[in-house]
Amino acid sequence: MFVRVAVVCFALLALVVGPTGAQLGGLPEVEFSQLSQQDPNPLGAQALAIHPEEWKHAETEHFIYHFVHGYVATPVSTEAEFQYRVVVKELQREPPVADTKSHIYIFERPEDWEQFQKVGGLEPWTGGIHSQGSLFMPRSTSSRSSDNTLGHEITHLIMHRFYPDGIPRWLDEGFAQYTSKNSHASYQRARGYLSKPQSQPVAMAALFRLSSLATMNYPTNAALVEVFYDESERLVRFLVATDKPSFLAFLDALSRHQPFETALQRCYPGKFPNMAALEVRFREYASNEYSPTASSTE
C-alpha cells in the first residue's frame, strides 16, 4: 500500500542526514567550496551573484540547496527527499549510475526574485523555473507548501536526471502533476490528515486531440494552459491505471523519441491498436470525476 510506504518515507525523512552526518533537525550548512558538486548551469552563478554575502548552502542525499534562512530551506529539503523516493518508486528503476545532485535556489525576497528574472532573461510572470536540472524558486519566510507545486517542480528535476535527453512536454508535465498530486496526498496522510489526489476532470468539448497533445509544446493561448496540464495529468493517470508495466515501457520508448503511436502499439498490445482507439476510451475517462478507491495504491 502506498500509504504505508509514505509513512515509512516520512519517518525516514526525520532522520535524513547531511553530507557530514549531522541530523536534519535544521538544515546543516556547508561551505560553498565544500559542496560535493558544483552547478554547471550558468543561471546558478547569476543567482548567487545577487547579494552574494547572504547565501548559505546545504546538502541532503539527492539535492543541494542555496538559501538565506535554514528554517525556509529545511521544509523544502524534507519535501524534496520525500518526492525523490516517491518518483523512484513510481518509475520502478534504479537511479542513473552517474547520478548527480540537483541544485535548488530559494529566493526569499520578491525584489531579489525580480532581479533574478531580469538578469536571467525570464518572463516577468515566471513563478519558478526548472532549467538544465536546477530549480530556481521564490519562497517567502512565511510560506508553507499547501499544494503540489513544489513536488511538481522537484519531479521535473528528477525526470531530468533519469531522462537527460528529454521526454515529450505533455508527458513531462503530466507525470509531474500525477506524481506530485499523489505524493502530496500521501504526505498529508502521513501527517494524520485525510487526503486524496485531486485529479481534475476536463470537459469533453475542451479536450485536445491526442494527435495534437502528443506533439504540443505549450498552448499559445494562455487560457488553454490549464486544460493542457489537466489533460496531460489525466492521460498519464489513465495509462498507468490501464497497465503500469506498459506505461513504464511507453515512457522509456518516448524518452528514446519513438513516435507516440508506434510506442503505443508496441507497449500496449491488444489494448490500444492505434491512437484513435486510445482516444475513444480516454475521452470519457478524462471528463469524469476522479474517485480513488480505498484499495488504490495512489
C-alpha atoms as a PDB file:
ATOM      1  CA  MET A   1       0.000   0.000   0.000  1.00  0.00           C
ATOM      2  CA  PHE A   2       1.284   3.423  -0.948  1.00  0.00           C
ATOM      3  CA  VAL A   3       0.070   4.923   2.333  1.00  0.00           C
ATOM      4  CA  ARG A   4       2.278   2.536   4.266  1.00  0.00           C
ATOM      5  CA  VAL A   5       5.255   3.400   2.082  1.00  0.00           C
ATOM      6  CA  ALA A   6       4.505   7.097   2.570  1.00  0.00           C
ATOM      7  CA  VAL A   7       4.508   6.694   6.348  1.00  0.00           C
ATOM      8  CA  VAL A   8       7.821   4.852   6.191  1.00  0.00           C
ATOM      9  CA  CYS A   9       9.295   7.511   3.910  1.00  0.00           C
ATOM     10  CA  PHE A  10       8.114  10.278   6.223  1.00  0.00           C
ATOM     11  CA  ALA A  11       9.680   8.544   9.201  1.00  0.00           C
ATOM     12  CA  LEU A  12      12.938   8.165   7.321  1.00  0.00           C
ATOM     13  CA  LEU A  13      12.896  11.837   6.421  1.00  0.00           C
ATOM     14  CA  ALA A  14      13.062  12.728  10.097  1.00  0.00           C
ATOM     15  CA  LEU A  15      16.475  11.085  10.080  1.00  0.00           C
ATOM     16  CA  VAL A  16      17.815  12.444   6.800  1.00  0.00           C
ATOM     17  CA  VAL A  17      21.401  13.477   7.275  1.00  0.00           C
ATOM     18  CA  GLY A  18      23.638  15.986   5.627  1.00  0.00           C
ATOM     19  CA  PRO A  19      26.978  15.117   3.996  1.00  0.00           C
ATOM     20  CA  THR A  20      28.781  15.422   7.326  1.00  0.00           C
ATOM     21  CA  GLY A  21      26.308  13.166   9.135  1.00  0.00           C
ATOM     22  CA  ALA A  22      24.564  15.966  11.043  1.00  0.00           C
ATOM     23  CA  GLN A  23      20.893  15.248  11.671  1.00  0.00           C
ATOM     24  CA  LEU A  24      18.482  17.323   9.640  1.00  0.00           C
ATOM     25  CA  GLY A  25      16.645  18.985  12.512  1.00  0.00           C
ATOM     26  CA  GLY A  26      17.728  22.276  10.992  1.00  0.00           C
ATOM     27  CA  LEU A  27      19.445  22.054   7.631  1.00  0.00           C
ATOM     28  CA  PRO A  28      23.191  21.902   8.405  1.00  0.00           C
ATOM     29  CA  GLU A  29      25.167  24.476   6.453  1.00  0.00           C
ATOM     30  CA  VAL A  30      28.075  23.557   4.193  1.00  0.00           C
ATOM     31  CA  GLU A  31      30.692  25.982   2.901  1.00  0.00           C
ATOM     32  CA  PHE A  32      30.232  26.632  -0.816  1.00  0.00           C
ATOM     33  CA  SER A  33      33.729  25.333  -1.561  1.00  0.00           C
ATOM     34  CA  GLN A  34      32.947  22.124   0.329  1.00  0.00           C
ATOM     35  CA  LEU A  35      29.818  21.198  -1.616  1.00  0.00           C
ATOM     36  CA  SER A  36      30.156  17.766  -3.186  1.00  0.00           C
ATOM     37  CA  GLN A  37      29.117  19.071  -6.611  1.00  0.00           C
ATOM     38  CA  GLN A  38      29.054  22.460  -8.298  1.00  0.00           C
ATOM     39  CA  ASP A  39      26.235  23.562 -10.579  1.00  0.00           C
ATOM     40  CA  PRO A  40      27.283  23.822 -14.250  1.00  0.00           C
ATOM     41  CA  ASN A  41      24.127  25.809 -15.032  1.00  0.00           C
ATOM     42  CA  PRO A  42      25.173  29.460 -15.668  1.00  0.00           C
ATOM     43  CA  LEU A  43      21.891  30.624 -14.127  1.00  0.00           C
ATOM     44  CA  GLY A  44      23.228  29.322 -10.813  1.00  0.00           C
ATOM     45  CA  ALA A  45      26.120  31.759 -10.836  1.00  0.00           C
ATOM     46  CA  GLN A  46      23.744  34.575 -11.769  1.00  0.00           C
ATOM     47  CA  ALA A  47      21.505  33.700  -8.837  1.00  0.00           C
ATOM     48  CA  LEU A  48      24.381  33.609  -6.345  1.00  0.00           C
ATOM     49  CA  ALA A  49      25.635  36.996  -7.585  1.00  0.00           C
ATOM     50  CA  ILE A  50      22.530  38.619  -6.076  1.00  0.00           C
ATOM     51  CA  HIS A  51      23.521  39.590  -2.508  1.00  0.00           C
ATOM     52  CA  PRO A  52      26.349  37.009  -2.556  1.00  0.00           C
ATOM     53  CA  GLU A  53      27.188  37.595   1.099  1.00  0.00           C
ATOM     54  CA  GLU A  54      23.763  36.286   2.189  1.00  0.00           C
ATOM     55  CA  TRP A  55      23.653  32.899   0.502  1.00  0.00           C
ATOM     56  CA  LYS A  56      24.084  29.754   2.588  1.00  0.00           C
ATOM     57  CA  HIS A  57      24.404  26.227   1.264  1.00  0.00           C
ATOM     58  CA  ALA A  58      23.497  22.710   2.343  1.00  0.00           C
ATOM     59  CA  GLU A  59      23.096  19.174   1.033  1.00  0.00           C
ATOM     60  CA  THR A  60      20.885  16.177   1.538  1.00  0.00           C
ATOM     61  CA  GLU A  61      21.247  12.808  -0.143  1.00  0.00           C
ATOM     62  CA  HIS A  62      19.942  13.860  -3.560  1.00  0.00           C
ATOM     63  CA  PHE A  63      19.854  17.672  -3.610  1.00  0.00           C
ATOM     64  CA  ILE A  64      21.996  20.749  -2.973  1.00  0.00           C
ATOM     65  CA  TYR A  65      20.302  23.864  -1.580  1.00  0.00           C
ATOM     66  CA  HIS A  66      21.166  27.543  -1.778  1.00  0.00           C
ATOM     67  CA  PHE A  67      19.191  29.742   0.620  1.00  0.00           C
ATOM     68  CA  VAL A  68      19.286  32.593   3.144  1.00  0.00           C
ATOM     69  CA  HIS A  69      17.480  31.116   6.161  1.00  0.00           C
ATOM     70  CA  GLY A  70      17.616  27.495   7.198  1.00  0.00           C
ATOM     71  CA  TYR A  71      14.063  27.493   8.514  1.00  0.00           C
ATOM     72  CA  VAL A  72      12.867  28.278   4.980  1.00  0.00           C
ATOM     73  CA  ALA A  73      15.094  25.696   3.288  1.00  0.00           C
ATOM     74  CA  THR A  74      14.518  22.827   5.734  1.00  0.00           C
ATOM     75  CA  PRO A  75      10.853  22.192   4.769  1.00  0.00           C
ATOM     76  CA  VAL A  76      11.874  22.366   1.102  1.00  0.00           C
ATOM     77  CA  SER A  77      14.578  19.755   1.695  1.00  0.00           C
ATOM     78  CA  THR A  78      12.133  17.484   3.522  1.00  0.00           C
ATOM     79  CA  GLU A  79       9.636  17.583   0.671  1.00  0.00           C
ATOM     80  CA  ALA A  80      12.374  17.223  -1.952  1.00  0.00           C
ATOM     81  CA  GLU A  81      13.710  13.992  -0.457  1.00  0.00           C
ATOM     82  CA  PHE A  82      10.184  12.686   0.070  1.00  0.00           C
ATOM     83  CA  GLN A  83       9.318  13.395  -3.568  1.00  0.00           C
ATOM     84  CA  TYR A  84      12.523  11.765  -4.779  1.00  0.00           C
ATOM     85  CA  ARG A  85      11.584   8.481  -3.111  1.00  0.00           C
ATOM     86  CA  VAL A  86       8.047   8.685  -4.464  1.00  0.00           C
ATOM     87  CA  VAL A  87       9.223   9.212  -8.049  1.00  0.00           C
ATOM     88  CA  VAL A  88      11.866   6.467  -7.879  1.00  0.00           C
ATOM     89  CA  LYS A  89       9.243   4.069  -6.537  1.00  0.00           C
ATOM     90  CA  GLU A  90       6.836   5.132  -9.299  1.00  0.00           C
ATOM     91  CA  LEU A  91       9.450   4.583 -12.023  1.00  0.00           C
ATOM     92  CA  GLN A  92      10.469   1.201 -10.582  1.00  0.00           C
ATOM     93  CA  ARG A  93      14.071   1.624 -11.630  1.00  0.00           C
ATOM     94  CA  GLU A  94      17.439   2.306 -10.093  1.00  0.00           C
ATOM     95  CA  PRO A  95      18.842   5.846 -10.259  1.00  0.00           C
ATOM     96  CA  PRO A  96      21.342   6.541 -13.050  1.00  0.00           C
ATOM     97  CA  VAL A  97      24.822   5.183 -12.315  1.00  0.00           C
ATOM     98  CA  ALA A  98      26.370   8.627 -12.764  1.00  0.00           C
ATOM     99  CA  ASP A  99      23.559  10.374 -10.886  1.00  0.00           C
ATOM    100  CA  THR A 100      24.252  13.980  -9.955  1.00  0.00           C
ATOM    101  CA  LYS A 101      22.570  16.077  -7.293  1.00  0.00           C
ATOM    102  CA  SER A 102      20.074  18.701  -8.376  1.00  0.00           C
ATOM    103  CA  HIS A 103      20.581  22.287  -7.200  1.00  0.00           C
ATOM    104  CA  ILE A 104      17.671  24.225  -5.691  1.00  0.00           C
ATOM    105  CA  TYR A 105      17.919  28.026  -5.317  1.00  0.00           C
ATOM    106  CA  ILE A 106      15.453  29.620  -2.895  1.00  0.00           C
ATOM    107  CA  PHE A 107      14.708  33.360  -3.173  1.00  0.00           C
ATOM    108  CA  GLU A 108      13.017  34.754  -0.071  1.00  0.00           C
ATOM    109  CA  ARG A 109      12.543  38.400  -1.072  1.00  0.00           C
ATOM    110  CA  PRO A 110      10.301  39.372  -4.011  1.00  0.00           C
ATOM    111  CA  GLU A 111      12.741  42.068  -5.107  1.00  0.00           C
ATOM    112  CA  ASP A 112      15.580  39.514  -5.329  1.00  0.00           C
ATOM    113  CA  TRP A 113      13.408  37.221  -7.435  1.00  0.00           C
ATOM    114  CA  GLU A 114      12.514  40.136  -9.710  1.00  0.00           C
ATOM    115  CA  GLN A 115      16.199  40.934 -10.126  1.00  0.00           C
ATOM    116  CA  PHE A 116      16.934  37.313 -10.991  1.00  0.00           C
ATOM    117  CA  GLN A 117      14.133  37.341 -13.558  1.00  0.00           C
ATOM    118  CA  LYS A 118      15.819  40.288 -15.254  1.00  0.00           C
ATOM    119  CA  VAL A 119      19.416  39.028 -15.205  1.00  0.00           C
ATOM    120  CA  GLY A 120      18.278  35.542 -16.239  1.00  0.00           C
ATOM    121  CA  GLY A 121      16.148  36.843 -19.076  1.00  0.00           C
ATOM    122  CA  LEU A 122      12.977  35.294 -17.618  1.00  0.00           C
ATOM    123  CA  GLU A 123       9.445  36.430 -18.313  1.00  0.00           C
ATOM    124  CA  PRO A 124       8.170  38.731 -15.535  1.00  0.00           C
ATOM    125  CA  TRP A 125       5.280  36.347 -14.804  1.00  0.00           C
ATOM    126  CA  THR A 126       7.636  33.414 -14.110  1.00  0.00           C
ATOM    127  CA  GLY A 127       6.863  31.976 -10.689  1.00  0.00           C
ATOM    128  CA  GLY A 128       9.722  29.479 -10.628  1.00  0.00           C
ATOM    129  CA  ILE A 129      11.788  27.758 -13.259  1.00  0.00           C
ATOM    130  CA  HIS A 130      13.380  24.374 -13.845  1.00  0.00           C
ATOM    131  CA  SER A 131      16.405  24.847 -16.086  1.00  0.00           C
ATOM    132  CA  GLN A 132      19.063  22.316 -17.091  1.00  0.00           C
ATOM    133  CA  GLY A 133      18.480  20.220 -13.990  1.00  0.00           C
ATOM    134  CA  SER A 134      18.370  23.121 -11.498  1.00  0.00           C
ATOM    135  CA  LEU A 135      15.361  24.706  -9.802  1.00  0.00           C
ATOM    136  CA  PHE A 136      15.030  28.436  -9.096  1.00  0.00           C
ATOM    137  CA  MET A 137      12.072  29.353  -6.932  1.00  0.00           C
ATOM    138  CA  PRO A 138      10.668  32.214  -4.818  1.00  0.00           C
ATOM    139  CA  ARG A 139       9.530  31.252  -1.332  1.00  0.00           C
ATOM    140  CA  SER A 140       8.730  33.754   1.392  1.00  0.00           C
ATOM    141  CA  THR A 141       9.726  33.259   5.010  1.00  0.00           C
ATOM    142  CA  SER A 142       6.071  32.815   5.943  1.00  0.00           C
ATOM    143  CA  SER A 143       5.023  30.464   3.126  1.00  0.00           C
ATOM    144  CA  ARG A 144       4.118  26.843   3.694  1.00  0.00           C
ATOM    145  CA  SER A 145       3.525  24.267   0.980  1.00  0.00           C
ATOM    146  CA  SER A 146      -0.227  23.732   0.796  1.00  0.00           C
ATOM    147  CA  ASP A 147      -0.460  22.135  -2.628  1.00  0.00           C
ATOM    148  CA  ASN A 148       1.577  20.011  -5.032  1.00  0.00           C
ATOM    149  CA  THR A 149       3.504  22.893  -6.662  1.00  0.00           C
ATOM    150  CA  LEU A 150       6.876  22.169  -5.054  1.00  0.00           C
ATOM    151  CA  GLY A 151       6.521  18.432  -5.640  1.00  0.00           C
ATOM    152  CA  HIS A 152       5.689  19.125  -9.285  1.00  0.00           C
ATOM    153  CA  GLU A 153       8.873  21.132  -9.829  1.00  0.00           C
ATOM    154  CA  ILE A 154      11.016  18.635  -7.971  1.00  0.00           C
ATOM    155  CA  THR A 155       9.629  15.863 -10.175  1.00  0.00           C
ATOM    156  CA  HIS A 156      10.943  17.785 -13.185  1.00  0.00           C
ATOM    157  CA  LEU A 157      14.406  17.802 -11.590  1.00  0.00           C
ATOM    158  CA  ILE A 158      14.284  14.058 -11.024  1.00  0.00           C
ATOM    159  CA  MET A 159      12.961  13.241 -14.502  1.00  0.00           C
ATOM    160  CA  HIS A 160      15.754  15.342 -15.999  1.00  0.00           C
ATOM    161  CA  ARG A 161      18.231  13.093 -14.178  1.00  0.00           C
ATOM    162  CA  PHE A 162      16.563   9.872 -15.329  1.00  0.00           C
ATOM    163  CA  TYR A 163      15.848  11.048 -18.882  1.00  0.00           C
ATOM    164  CA  PRO A 164      18.508  13.649 -19.742  1.00  0.00           C
ATOM    165  CA  ASP A 165      17.614  13.539 -23.457  1.00  0.00           C
ATOM    166  CA  GLY A 166      14.123  14.764 -22.618  1.00  0.00           C
ATOM    167  CA  ILE A 167      10.583  13.449 -22.916  1.00  0.00           C
ATOM    168  CA  PRO A 168       7.548  14.972 -24.678  1.00  0.00           C
ATOM    169  CA  ARG A 169       6.139  18.051 -22.989  1.00  0.00           C
ATOM    170  CA  TRP A 170       2.739  16.505 -22.242  1.00  0.00           C
ATOM    171  CA  LEU A 171       4.429  13.535 -20.581  1.00  0.00           C
ATOM    172  CA  ASP A 172       6.849  15.673 -18.575  1.00  0.00           C
ATOM    173  CA  GLU A 173       4.078  17.923 -17.263  1.00  0.00           C
ATOM    174  CA  GLY A 174       1.521  15.139 -16.930  1.00  0.00           C
ATOM    175  CA  PHE A 175       3.833  12.860 -14.984  1.00  0.00           C
ATOM    176  CA  ALA A 176       4.925  15.739 -12.726  1.00  0.00           C
ATOM    177  CA  GLN A 177       1.275  16.548 -11.999  1.00  0.00           C
ATOM    178  CA  TYR A 178       0.386  12.885 -11.472  1.00  0.00           C
ATOM    179  CA  THR A 179       3.174  12.031  -9.040  1.00  0.00           C
ATOM    180  CA  SER A 180       3.051  15.331  -7.153  1.00  0.00           C
ATOM    181  CA  LYS A 181      -0.716  15.103  -6.609  1.00  0.00           C
ATOM    182  CA  ASN A 182      -0.334  11.541  -5.343  1.00  0.00           C
ATOM    183  CA  SER A 183       2.661  12.290  -3.147  1.00  0.00           C
ATOM    184  CA  HIS A 184       1.115  15.440  -1.684  1.00  0.00           C
ATOM    185  CA  ALA A 185      -1.921  13.411  -0.621  1.00  0.00           C
ATOM    186  CA  SER A 186       0.337  10.700   0.822  1.00  0.00           C
ATOM    187  CA  TYR A 187       2.487  13.274   2.615  1.00  0.00           C
ATOM    188  CA  GLN A 188      -0.631  14.750   4.207  1.00  0.00           C
ATOM    189  CA  ARG A 189      -1.923  11.323   5.221  1.00  0.00           C
ATOM    190  CA  ALA A 190       1.446  10.521   6.792  1.00  0.00           C
ATOM    191  CA  ARG A 191       0.944  13.597   8.978  1.00  0.00           C
ATOM    192  CA  GLY A 192      -2.500  12.420  10.077  1.00  0.00           C
ATOM    193  CA  TYR A 193      -4.699  14.330   7.616  1.00  0.00           C
ATOM    194  CA  LEU A 194      -7.416  12.862   5.415  1.00  0.00           C
ATOM    195  CA  SER A 195      -6.305  13.488   1.862  1.00  0.00           C
ATOM    196  CA  LYS A 196      -6.597  12.021  -1.627  1.00  0.00           C
ATOM    197  CA  PRO A 197      -5.199  13.015  -5.038  1.00  0.00           C
ATOM    198  CA  GLN A 198      -7.133  15.849  -6.675  1.00  0.00           C
ATOM    199  CA  SER A 199      -7.193  14.921 -10.365  1.00  0.00           C
ATOM    200  CA  GLN A 200      -9.228  17.491 -12.293  1.00  0.00           C
ATOM    201  CA  PRO A 201     -11.710  16.363 -14.972  1.00  0.00           C
ATOM    202  CA  VAL A 202     -11.679  18.130 -18.327  1.00  0.00           C
ATOM    203  CA  ALA A 203     -14.872  18.876 -20.241  1.00  0.00           C
ATOM    204  CA  MET A 204     -15.001  16.615 -23.291  1.00  0.00           C
ATOM    205  CA  ALA A 205     -15.509  19.563 -25.609  1.00  0.00           C
ATOM    206  CA  ALA A 206     -12.348  21.231 -24.270  1.00  0.00           C
ATOM    207  CA  LEU A 207     -10.004  18.252 -24.725  1.00  0.00           C
ATOM    208  CA  PHE A 208      -7.159  18.492 -27.200  1.00  0.00           C
ATOM    209  CA  ARG A 209      -6.982  15.758 -29.793  1.00  0.00           C
ATOM    210  CA  LEU A 210      -4.286  13.284 -28.753  1.00  0.00           C
ATOM    211  CA  SER A 211      -2.521  13.823 -32.069  1.00  0.00           C
ATOM    212  CA  SER A 212      -2.115  17.498 -31.085  1.00  0.00           C
ATOM    213  CA  LEU A 213      -1.316  16.873 -27.428  1.00  0.00           C
ATOM    214  CA  ALA A 214       1.425  14.372 -28.328  1.00  0.00           C
ATOM    215  CA  THR A 215       3.473  16.961 -30.219  1.00  0.00           C
ATOM    216  CA  MET A 216       2.479  20.129 -28.355  1.00  0.00           C
ATOM    217  CA  ASN A 217       4.948  22.328 -26.523  1.00  0.00           C
ATOM    218  CA  TYR A 218       2.605  24.641 -24.594  1.00  0.00           C
ATOM    219  CA  PRO A 219      -0.646  26.130 -25.905  1.00  0.00           C
ATOM    220  CA  THR A 220      -0.112  29.537 -27.466  1.00  0.00           C
ATOM    221  CA  ASN A 221      -3.451  30.593 -25.954  1.00  0.00           C
ATOM    222  CA  ALA A 222      -2.833  31.187 -22.238  1.00  0.00           C
ATOM    223  CA  ALA A 223      -6.443  30.301 -21.484  1.00  0.00           C
ATOM    224  CA  LEU A 224      -5.772  26.726 -22.638  1.00  0.00           C
ATOM    225  CA  VAL A 225      -2.703  26.103 -20.463  1.00  0.00           C
ATOM    226  CA  GLU A 226      -4.780  24.740 -17.571  1.00  0.00           C
ATOM    227  CA  VAL A 227      -6.533  22.323 -19.949  1.00  0.00           C
ATOM    228  CA  PHE A 228      -3.138  21.180 -21.215  1.00  0.00           C
ATOM    229  CA  TYR A 229      -1.915  20.429 -17.683  1.00  0.00           C
ATOM    230  CA  ASP A 230      -5.121  18.723 -16.561  1.00  0.00           C
ATOM    231  CA  GLU A 231      -5.469  16.627 -19.703  1.00  0.00           C
ATOM    232  CA  SER A 232      -1.814  15.583 -19.607  1.00  0.00           C
ATOM    233  CA  GLU A 233      -2.163  14.506 -15.967  1.00  0.00           C
ATOM    234  CA  ARG A 234      -5.351  12.582 -16.768  1.00  0.00           C
ATOM    235  CA  LEU A 235      -3.683  10.799 -19.699  1.00  0.00           C
ATOM    236  CA  VAL A 236      -0.763   9.681 -17.525  1.00  0.00           C
ATOM    237  CA  ARG A 237      -3.168   8.523 -14.809  1.00  0.00           C
ATOM    238  CA  PHE A 238      -5.270   6.616 -17.351  1.00  0.00           C
ATOM    239  CA  LEU A 239      -2.276   4.881 -18.937  1.00  0.00           C
ATOM    240  CA  VAL A 240      -0.891   3.896 -15.521  1.00  0.00           C
ATOM    241  CA  ALA A 241      -4.278   2.577 -14.381  1.00  0.00           C
ATOM    242  CA  THR A 242      -4.674   0.580 -17.594  1.00  0.00           C
ATOM    243  CA  ASP A 243      -1.348  -1.224 -17.209  1.00  0.00           C
ATOM    244  CA  LYS A 244       1.551   0.098 -15.109  1.00  0.00           C
ATOM    245  CA  PRO A 245       4.344  -2.016 -16.725  1.00  0.00           C
ATOM    246  CA  SER A 246       3.092  -0.972 -20.167  1.00  0.00           C
ATOM    247  CA  PHE A 247       3.175   2.683 -19.120  1.00  0.00           C
ATOM    248  CA  LEU A 248       6.770   2.412 -17.921  1.00  0.00           C
ATOM    249  CA  ALA A 249       7.750   0.788 -21.222  1.00  0.00           C
ATOM    250  CA  PHE A 250       5.860   3.548 -23.048  1.00  0.00           C
ATOM    251  CA  LEU A 251       7.715   6.202 -21.047  1.00  0.00           C
ATOM    252  CA  ASP A 252      11.065   4.640 -21.915  1.00  0.00           C
ATOM    253  CA  ALA A 253      10.106   4.422 -25.605  1.00  0.00           C
ATOM    254  CA  LEU A 254       9.096   8.089 -25.749  1.00  0.00           C
ATOM    255  CA  SER A 255      12.324   9.055 -23.977  1.00  0.00           C
ATOM    256  CA  ARG A 256      14.090   7.442 -26.945  1.00  0.00           C
ATOM    257  CA  HIS A 257      11.985   9.689 -29.182  1.00  0.00           C
ATOM    258  CA  GLN A 258       9.843   6.961 -30.710  1.00  0.00           C
ATOM    259  CA  PRO A 259       6.617   8.299 -32.273  1.00  0.00           C
ATOM    260  CA  PHE A 260       3.616   8.240 -29.925  1.00  0.00           C
ATOM    261  CA  GLU A 261       1.537   5.779 -31.970  1.00  0.00           C
ATOM    262  CA  THR A 262       4.453   3.433 -32.642  1.00  0.00           C
ATOM    263  CA  ALA A 263       5.319   3.294 -28.936  1.00  0.00           C
ATOM    264  CA  LEU A 264       1.639   2.868 -28.022  1.00  0.00           C
ATOM    265  CA  GLN A 265       1.199  -0.148 -30.305  1.00  0.00           C
ATOM    266  CA  ARG A 266       4.365  -1.797 -29.011  1.00  0.00           C
ATOM    267  CA  CYS A 267       3.762  -1.149 -25.318  1.00  0.00           C
ATOM    268  CA  TYR A 268       0.000  -1.681 -25.105  1.00  0.00           C
ATOM    269  CA  PRO A 269      -0.532  -4.627 -27.500  1.00  0.00           C
ATOM    270  CA  GLY A 270      -4.119  -5.806 -27.564  1.00  0.00           C
ATOM    271  CA  LYS A 271      -5.331  -2.769 -25.639  1.00  0.00           C
ATOM    272  CA  PHE A 272      -4.823   0.174 -27.985  1.00  0.00           C
ATOM    273  CA  PRO A 273      -4.158  -0.859 -31.602  1.00  0.00           C
ATOM    274  CA  ASN A 274      -3.828   2.817 -32.553  1.00  0.00           C
ATOM    275  CA  MET A 275      -4.164   6.334 -31.199  1.00  0.00           C
ATOM    276  CA  ALA A 276      -7.802   6.550 -32.266  1.00  0.00           C
ATOM    277  CA  ALA A 277      -8.702   3.559 -30.082  1.00  0.00           C
ATOM    278  CA  LEU A 278      -6.944   5.146 -27.120  1.00  0.00           C
ATOM    279  CA  GLU A 279      -8.726   8.436 -27.706  1.00  0.00           C
ATOM    280  CA  VAL A 280     -12.180   6.847 -27.620  1.00  0.00           C
ATOM    281  CA  ARG A 281     -11.578   5.328 -24.189  1.00  0.00           C
ATOM    282  CA  PHE A 282      -9.557   8.214 -22.791  1.00  0.00           C
ATOM    283  CA  ARG A 283     -12.023  10.993 -23.601  1.00  0.00           C
ATOM    284  CA  GLU A 284     -14.677   9.500 -21.346  1.00  0.00           C
ATOM    285  CA  TYR A 285     -12.168   8.894 -18.546  1.00  0.00           C
ATOM    286  CA  ALA A 286     -10.756  12.409 -18.789  1.00  0.00           C
ATOM    287  CA  SER A 287     -14.150  14.069 -18.427  1.00  0.00           C
ATOM    288  CA  ASN A 288     -15.324  12.043 -15.416  1.00  0.00           C
ATOM    289  CA  GLU A 289     -14.744  12.907 -11.775  1.00  0.00           C
ATOM    290  CA  TYR A 290     -11.785  11.014 -10.320  1.00  0.00           C
ATOM    291  CA  SER A 291     -12.537   8.958  -7.207  1.00  0.00           C
ATOM    292  CA  PRO A 292      -9.666   6.767  -5.948  1.00  0.00           C
ATOM    293  CA  THR A 293     -10.917   3.621  -4.239  1.00  0.00           C
ATOM    294  CA  ALA A 294      -9.973   2.600  -0.711  1.00  0.00           C
ATOM    295  CA  SER A 295      -7.648  -0.031  -2.188  1.00  0.00           C
ATOM    296  CA  SER A 296      -5.963   2.388  -4.579  1.00  0.00           C
ATOM    297  CA  THR A 297      -2.170   2.490  -4.323  1.00  0.00           C
ATOM    298  CA  GLU A 298      -2.198   6.120  -5.408  1.00  0.00           C
END
